[in-house]
Amino acid sequence: MTLEKTPKPTESELEILQVLWQQGPSTVRVVHEELSKNKEVGYTTTLKLMQIMAEKEMLEVDKSSRSHIYHPALEEEKTQQQLLGRFLDAAFRGSASKLVMQALGNSKTSKAELDEIRNLLDKLEGGSK
C-alpha cells in the first residue's frame, strides 16, 4: 500500500490502531478493554468499527479461531508521517519550523528531549558528532 493510497484513519480508528501497535495482534475484547480505560465505549461499537477498518484494509483479520485476531495493516511510522504531513499543511501552511516552535513553546520540554532534538538537527545538517 503506497503512502498516497493509505487510508486516512479517523480519530476513533487511530485509537484502535494505537492499541494494536502497542499490544500487537489482539481480539476485539482486548482492544475494547484497552479503549475503555480512557473513555466509555460500547463493545459492539468497537467490534463494528474494527470490522469497517478491515473492509477499508486498515486491519487484517485472522478468522482461523473462534475469537478473531486483528492485526494492523497500516505501519505506525508511515501513518504518523501521513497524519503529520496533513496537519503540517493544514495548520502551519507546510512550515515545519512553525510547528516545532509552537510545540516547544506550548510544552515543558525535558533536557533529554532537547538533547535528542539537537542530535537530530546535527544529523540533518550533516554535522554528526
N, C-alpha and C. Protein backbone atom coordinates (compact mmCIF):
# COMPACT_ATOMS: atom_id res chain seq x y z
N MET A 1 0.85 -1.18 0.00
CA MET A 1 0.00 0.00 0.00
C MET A 1 0.89 1.24 0.00
N THR A 2 0.76 2.10 -0.98
CA THR A 2 1.60 3.29 -1.04
C THR A 2 1.06 4.36 -0.11
N LEU A 3 1.91 5.33 0.19
CA LEU A 3 1.53 6.38 1.12
C LEU A 3 0.31 7.15 0.61
N GLU A 4 0.26 7.39 -0.72
CA GLU A 4 -0.85 8.16 -1.28
C GLU A 4 -2.17 7.40 -1.18
N LYS A 5 -2.12 6.07 -1.25
CA LYS A 5 -3.33 5.26 -1.21
C LYS A 5 -3.64 4.76 0.19
N THR A 6 -2.84 5.13 1.17
CA THR A 6 -3.06 4.71 2.54
C THR A 6 -4.34 5.35 3.05
N PRO A 7 -5.24 4.55 3.62
CA PRO A 7 -6.47 5.11 4.18
C PRO A 7 -6.14 6.14 5.27
N LYS A 8 -6.98 7.15 5.39
CA LYS A 8 -6.78 8.18 6.40
C LYS A 8 -7.65 7.86 7.60
N PRO A 9 -7.04 7.37 8.68
CA PRO A 9 -7.85 6.96 9.84
C PRO A 9 -8.50 8.15 10.54
N THR A 10 -9.73 7.91 11.00
CA THR A 10 -10.42 8.90 11.83
C THR A 10 -9.80 8.85 13.23
N GLU A 11 -10.24 9.72 14.11
CA GLU A 11 -9.72 9.73 15.47
C GLU A 11 -9.99 8.40 16.18
N SER A 12 -11.20 7.88 16.04
CA SER A 12 -11.54 6.59 16.67
C SER A 12 -10.75 5.44 16.08
N GLU A 13 -10.57 5.46 14.76
CA GLU A 13 -9.78 4.42 14.11
C GLU A 13 -8.32 4.49 14.55
N LEU A 14 -7.82 5.69 14.72
CA LEU A 14 -6.44 5.87 15.16
C LEU A 14 -6.25 5.34 16.58
N GLU A 15 -7.25 5.51 17.44
CA GLU A 15 -7.17 4.97 18.80
C GLU A 15 -7.06 3.45 18.76
N ILE A 16 -7.82 2.81 17.89
CA ILE A 16 -7.75 1.35 17.75
C ILE A 16 -6.38 0.94 17.21
N LEU A 17 -5.92 1.64 16.20
CA LEU A 17 -4.59 1.33 15.65
C LEU A 17 -3.50 1.47 16.71
N GLN A 18 -3.60 2.50 17.53
CA GLN A 18 -2.60 2.70 18.58
C GLN A 18 -2.58 1.53 19.56
N VAL A 19 -3.76 1.03 19.90
CA VAL A 19 -3.82 -0.14 20.79
C VAL A 19 -3.13 -1.33 20.13
N LEU A 20 -3.44 -1.57 18.86
CA LEU A 20 -2.86 -2.71 18.16
C LEU A 20 -1.36 -2.55 17.94
N TRP A 21 -0.89 -1.34 17.67
CA TRP A 21 0.54 -1.10 17.52
C TRP A 21 1.26 -1.36 18.84
N GLN A 22 0.62 -0.98 19.93
CA GLN A 22 1.24 -1.15 21.25
C GLN A 22 1.12 -2.59 21.76
N GLN A 23 -0.06 -3.19 21.64
CA GLN A 23 -0.33 -4.52 22.20
C GLN A 23 0.03 -5.66 21.25
N GLY A 24 0.06 -5.36 19.95
CA GLY A 24 0.24 -6.43 18.96
C GLY A 24 -1.11 -7.00 18.59
N PRO A 25 -1.13 -8.03 17.73
CA PRO A 25 -2.39 -8.63 17.29
C PRO A 25 -3.28 -8.97 18.48
N SER A 26 -4.56 -8.60 18.37
CA SER A 26 -5.47 -8.73 19.52
C SER A 26 -6.89 -9.01 19.07
N THR A 27 -7.68 -9.51 20.00
CA THR A 27 -9.11 -9.70 19.78
C THR A 27 -9.83 -8.37 20.00
N VAL A 28 -11.08 -8.32 19.57
CA VAL A 28 -11.89 -7.13 19.81
C VAL A 28 -12.00 -6.87 21.30
N ARG A 29 -12.16 -7.93 22.10
CA ARG A 29 -12.31 -7.76 23.54
C ARG A 29 -11.09 -7.05 24.15
N VAL A 30 -9.89 -7.46 23.75
CA VAL A 30 -8.67 -6.85 24.28
C VAL A 30 -8.61 -5.37 23.90
N VAL A 31 -8.91 -5.07 22.63
CA VAL A 31 -8.90 -3.68 22.18
C VAL A 31 -9.96 -2.88 22.93
N HIS A 32 -11.15 -3.45 23.05
CA HIS A 32 -12.24 -2.77 23.76
C HIS A 32 -11.86 -2.47 25.22
N GLU A 33 -11.27 -3.44 25.91
CA GLU A 33 -10.87 -3.22 27.30
C GLU A 33 -9.84 -2.10 27.41
N GLU A 34 -8.92 -2.07 26.47
CA GLU A 34 -7.89 -1.02 26.50
C GLU A 34 -8.51 0.36 26.24
N LEU A 35 -9.40 0.44 25.26
CA LEU A 35 -10.06 1.72 24.95
C LEU A 35 -10.93 2.19 26.12
N SER A 36 -11.55 1.23 26.82
CA SER A 36 -12.45 1.56 27.93
C SER A 36 -11.72 2.17 29.12
N LYS A 37 -10.42 2.04 29.17
CA LYS A 37 -9.65 2.64 30.26
C LYS A 37 -9.67 4.16 30.19
N ASN A 38 -9.86 4.71 28.98
CA ASN A 38 -9.80 6.16 28.80
C ASN A 38 -11.14 6.81 28.52
N LYS A 39 -12.09 6.04 28.00
CA LYS A 39 -13.41 6.62 27.71
C LYS A 39 -14.45 5.51 27.64
N GLU A 40 -15.69 5.90 27.80
CA GLU A 40 -16.77 4.93 27.74
C GLU A 40 -17.06 4.60 26.28
N VAL A 41 -16.97 3.33 25.95
CA VAL A 41 -17.23 2.89 24.59
C VAL A 41 -17.87 1.51 24.65
N GLY A 42 -18.88 1.30 23.83
CA GLY A 42 -19.58 0.02 23.83
C GLY A 42 -18.79 -1.04 23.07
N TYR A 43 -18.92 -2.28 23.52
CA TYR A 43 -18.23 -3.40 22.86
C TYR A 43 -18.66 -3.51 21.41
N THR A 44 -19.97 -3.42 21.14
CA THR A 44 -20.45 -3.56 19.77
C THR A 44 -19.97 -2.43 18.88
N THR A 45 -19.77 -1.24 19.46
CA THR A 45 -19.23 -0.12 18.70
C THR A 45 -17.79 -0.42 18.29
N THR A 46 -17.00 -0.94 19.23
CA THR A 46 -15.62 -1.30 18.92
C THR A 46 -15.59 -2.39 17.85
N LEU A 47 -16.43 -3.41 18.00
CA LEU A 47 -16.50 -4.50 17.04
C LEU A 47 -16.83 -3.98 15.65
N LYS A 48 -17.87 -3.17 15.54
CA LYS A 48 -18.31 -2.66 14.23
C LYS A 48 -17.23 -1.80 13.60
N LEU A 49 -16.61 -0.96 14.40
CA LEU A 49 -15.55 -0.09 13.87
C LEU A 49 -14.37 -0.91 13.35
N MET A 50 -14.01 -1.96 14.08
CA MET A 50 -12.90 -2.80 13.65
C MET A 50 -13.27 -3.58 12.38
N GLN A 51 -14.53 -3.99 12.25
CA GLN A 51 -14.98 -4.65 11.02
C GLN A 51 -14.90 -3.70 9.83
N ILE A 52 -15.32 -2.47 10.04
CA ILE A 52 -15.25 -1.44 8.99
C ILE A 52 -13.78 -1.18 8.62
N MET A 53 -12.92 -1.11 9.62
CA MET A 53 -11.50 -0.88 9.36
C MET A 53 -10.91 -2.03 8.54
N ALA A 54 -11.37 -3.24 8.78
CA ALA A 54 -10.90 -4.39 7.99
C ALA A 54 -11.37 -4.24 6.54
N GLU A 55 -12.60 -3.80 6.35
CA GLU A 55 -13.12 -3.57 4.99
C GLU A 55 -12.32 -2.48 4.28
N LYS A 56 -11.87 -1.47 5.03
CA LYS A 56 -11.08 -0.38 4.47
C LYS A 56 -9.60 -0.75 4.32
N GLU A 57 -9.27 -1.99 4.68
CA GLU A 57 -7.91 -2.51 4.62
C GLU A 57 -6.94 -1.83 5.58
N MET A 58 -7.47 -1.32 6.68
CA MET A 58 -6.63 -0.78 7.74
C MET A 58 -6.20 -1.88 8.70
N LEU A 59 -7.04 -2.93 8.80
CA LEU A 59 -6.77 -4.06 9.66
C LEU A 59 -6.86 -5.35 8.84
N GLU A 60 -6.09 -6.34 9.26
CA GLU A 60 -6.21 -7.68 8.71
C GLU A 60 -6.80 -8.56 9.80
N VAL A 61 -7.60 -9.55 9.41
CA VAL A 61 -8.28 -10.40 10.38
C VAL A 61 -7.91 -11.86 10.17
N ASP A 62 -7.52 -12.50 11.27
CA ASP A 62 -7.28 -13.94 11.27
C ASP A 62 -8.53 -14.59 11.84
N LYS A 63 -9.27 -15.28 10.98
CA LYS A 63 -10.54 -15.88 11.39
C LYS A 63 -10.41 -17.38 11.64
N SER A 64 -9.19 -17.85 11.83
CA SER A 64 -8.97 -19.29 11.99
C SER A 64 -9.41 -19.83 13.35
N SER A 65 -9.57 -18.96 14.33
CA SER A 65 -10.06 -19.41 15.64
C SER A 65 -11.40 -18.75 15.93
N ARG A 66 -12.04 -19.21 17.00
CA ARG A 66 -13.36 -18.68 17.36
C ARG A 66 -13.30 -17.17 17.60
N SER A 67 -12.28 -16.72 18.33
CA SER A 67 -12.07 -15.29 18.55
C SER A 67 -11.16 -14.77 17.44
N HIS A 68 -11.71 -13.91 16.61
CA HIS A 68 -10.94 -13.36 15.51
C HIS A 68 -9.81 -12.48 16.05
N ILE A 69 -8.66 -12.59 15.43
CA ILE A 69 -7.49 -11.80 15.82
C ILE A 69 -7.26 -10.72 14.77
N TYR A 70 -7.19 -9.48 15.23
CA TYR A 70 -6.99 -8.34 14.33
C TYR A 70 -5.54 -7.88 14.39
N HIS A 71 -4.98 -7.59 13.21
CA HIS A 71 -3.61 -7.09 13.07
C HIS A 71 -3.68 -5.75 12.34
N PRO A 72 -2.84 -4.79 12.72
CA PRO A 72 -2.83 -3.53 11.95
C PRO A 72 -2.22 -3.77 10.57
N ALA A 73 -2.90 -3.31 9.53
CA ALA A 73 -2.37 -3.42 8.17
C ALA A 73 -1.56 -2.17 7.83
N LEU A 74 -1.75 -1.12 8.60
CA LEU A 74 -1.02 0.13 8.38
C LEU A 74 0.19 0.17 9.29
N GLU A 75 1.31 0.62 8.75
CA GLU A 75 2.51 0.76 9.55
C GLU A 75 2.41 2.03 10.38
N GLU A 76 2.83 1.94 11.63
CA GLU A 76 2.72 3.07 12.55
C GLU A 76 3.48 4.29 12.03
N GLU A 77 4.73 4.11 11.64
CA GLU A 77 5.54 5.26 11.21
C GLU A 77 4.99 5.92 9.95
N LYS A 78 4.56 5.13 8.98
CA LYS A 78 4.01 5.70 7.75
C LYS A 78 2.71 6.45 8.03
N THR A 79 1.89 5.90 8.92
CA THR A 79 0.64 6.57 9.28
C THR A 79 0.93 7.89 9.99
N GLN A 80 1.91 7.88 10.89
CA GLN A 80 2.30 9.12 11.58
C GLN A 80 2.80 10.16 10.59
N GLN A 81 3.61 9.73 9.62
CA GLN A 81 4.14 10.66 8.62
C GLN A 81 3.00 11.27 7.81
N GLN A 82 2.05 10.44 7.41
CA GLN A 82 0.92 10.91 6.62
C GLN A 82 0.08 11.91 7.42
N LEU A 83 -0.23 11.56 8.67
CA LEU A 83 -1.06 12.44 9.50
C LEU A 83 -0.33 13.74 9.80
N LEU A 84 0.96 13.65 10.09
CA LEU A 84 1.73 14.86 10.37
C LEU A 84 1.80 15.75 9.14
N GLY A 85 1.98 15.15 7.98
CA GLY A 85 2.02 15.93 6.74
C GLY A 85 0.72 16.68 6.51
N ARG A 86 -0.41 16.00 6.72
CA ARG A 86 -1.71 16.66 6.55
C ARG A 86 -1.87 17.79 7.56
N PHE A 87 -1.49 17.50 8.82
CA PHE A 87 -1.60 18.51 9.88
C PHE A 87 -0.69 19.70 9.60
N LEU A 88 0.53 19.43 9.18
CA LEU A 88 1.51 20.48 8.88
C LEU A 88 0.97 21.39 7.78
N ASP A 89 0.43 20.81 6.72
CA ASP A 89 -0.12 21.61 5.62
C ASP A 89 -1.33 22.42 6.06
N ALA A 90 -2.23 21.78 6.81
CA ALA A 90 -3.48 22.43 7.19
C ALA A 90 -3.29 23.50 8.26
N ALA A 91 -2.48 23.22 9.26
CA ALA A 91 -2.37 24.13 10.41
C ALA A 91 -1.21 25.12 10.31
N PHE A 92 -0.14 24.74 9.61
CA PHE A 92 1.06 25.57 9.60
C PHE A 92 1.52 25.92 8.19
N ARG A 93 0.62 25.79 7.22
CA ARG A 93 0.92 26.08 5.81
C ARG A 93 2.22 25.43 5.36
N GLY A 94 2.49 24.23 5.87
CA GLY A 94 3.66 23.47 5.44
C GLY A 94 4.96 23.86 6.12
N SER A 95 4.92 24.75 7.10
CA SER A 95 6.15 25.22 7.75
C SER A 95 6.50 24.35 8.95
N ALA A 96 7.54 23.54 8.79
CA ALA A 96 8.00 22.68 9.89
C ALA A 96 8.52 23.52 11.05
N SER A 97 9.18 24.64 10.76
CA SER A 97 9.72 25.46 11.84
C SER A 97 8.61 26.06 12.70
N LYS A 98 7.50 26.48 12.08
CA LYS A 98 6.37 27.00 12.86
C LYS A 98 5.80 25.91 13.77
N LEU A 99 5.72 24.69 13.25
CA LEU A 99 5.22 23.57 14.03
C LEU A 99 6.12 23.30 15.23
N VAL A 100 7.43 23.25 15.00
CA VAL A 100 8.38 22.96 16.08
C VAL A 100 8.37 24.08 17.12
N MET A 101 8.36 25.31 16.68
CA MET A 101 8.34 26.44 17.62
C MET A 101 7.08 26.42 18.47
N GLN A 102 5.95 26.11 17.85
CA GLN A 102 4.69 26.03 18.60
C GLN A 102 4.74 24.88 19.60
N ALA A 103 5.24 23.74 19.17
CA ALA A 103 5.30 22.56 20.05
C ALA A 103 6.23 22.81 21.23
N LEU A 104 7.37 23.39 20.98
CA LEU A 104 8.32 23.66 22.07
C LEU A 104 7.83 24.77 22.98
N GLY A 105 7.09 25.72 22.44
CA GLY A 105 6.58 26.83 23.24
C GLY A 105 5.39 26.46 24.10
N ASN A 106 4.70 25.39 23.75
CA ASN A 106 3.47 25.00 24.47
C ASN A 106 3.63 23.84 25.44
N SER A 107 4.85 23.36 25.60
CA SER A 107 5.02 22.22 26.50
C SER A 107 6.32 22.35 27.26
N LYS A 108 6.41 21.57 28.32
CA LYS A 108 7.64 21.52 29.09
C LYS A 108 8.53 20.46 28.46
N THR A 109 9.56 20.92 27.79
CA THR A 109 10.46 20.00 27.11
C THR A 109 11.60 19.65 28.05
N SER A 110 11.84 18.37 28.23
CA SER A 110 12.90 17.92 29.14
C SER A 110 14.27 18.13 28.51
N LYS A 111 15.29 18.12 29.35
CA LYS A 111 16.66 18.24 28.85
C LYS A 111 16.98 17.09 27.90
N ALA A 112 16.52 15.89 28.22
CA ALA A 112 16.77 14.73 27.36
C ALA A 112 16.12 14.92 25.98
N GLU A 113 14.90 15.47 25.98
CA GLU A 113 14.23 15.71 24.70
C GLU A 113 14.96 16.78 23.90
N LEU A 114 15.41 17.83 24.57
CA LEU A 114 16.17 18.88 23.87
C LEU A 114 17.47 18.34 23.30
N ASP A 115 18.15 17.47 24.05
CA ASP A 115 19.38 16.83 23.56
C ASP A 115 19.08 15.99 22.32
N GLU A 116 17.98 15.27 22.37
CA GLU A 116 17.59 14.45 21.23
C GLU A 116 17.30 15.32 20.00
N ILE A 117 16.64 16.45 20.21
CA ILE A 117 16.36 17.39 19.12
C ILE A 117 17.66 17.95 18.56
N ARG A 118 18.60 18.31 19.45
CA ARG A 118 19.90 18.83 18.99
C ARG A 118 20.64 17.79 18.15
N ASN A 119 20.62 16.54 18.61
CA ASN A 119 21.28 15.47 17.86
C ASN A 119 20.65 15.29 16.48
N LEU A 120 19.33 15.36 16.42
CA LEU A 120 18.64 15.23 15.15
C LEU A 120 19.02 16.39 14.22
N LEU A 121 19.04 17.59 14.76
CA LEU A 121 19.42 18.75 13.95
C LEU A 121 20.85 18.62 13.44
N ASP A 122 21.75 18.15 14.28
CA ASP A 122 23.14 17.92 13.87
C ASP A 122 23.19 16.93 12.72
N LYS A 123 22.42 15.85 12.82
CA LYS A 123 22.41 14.84 11.75
C LYS A 123 21.84 15.42 10.46
N LEU A 124 20.78 16.20 10.57
CA LEU A 124 20.16 16.80 9.39
C LEU A 124 21.10 17.77 8.71
N GLU A 125 21.92 18.44 9.49
CA GLU A 125 22.88 19.39 8.93
C GLU A 125 24.15 18.71 8.46
N GLY A 126 24.27 17.41 8.72
CA GLY A 126 25.46 16.67 8.31
C GLY A 126 26.62 16.85 9.26
N GLY A 127 26.34 17.36 10.45
CA GLY A 127 27.40 17.62 11.42
C GLY A 127 27.33 16.68 12.60
N SER A 128 27.06 15.40 12.35
CA SER A 128 27.01 14.43 13.46
C SER A 128 28.34 14.37 14.18
N LYS A 129 28.24 14.33 15.50
CA LYS A 129 29.46 14.32 16.31
C LYS A 129 29.95 12.93 16.52
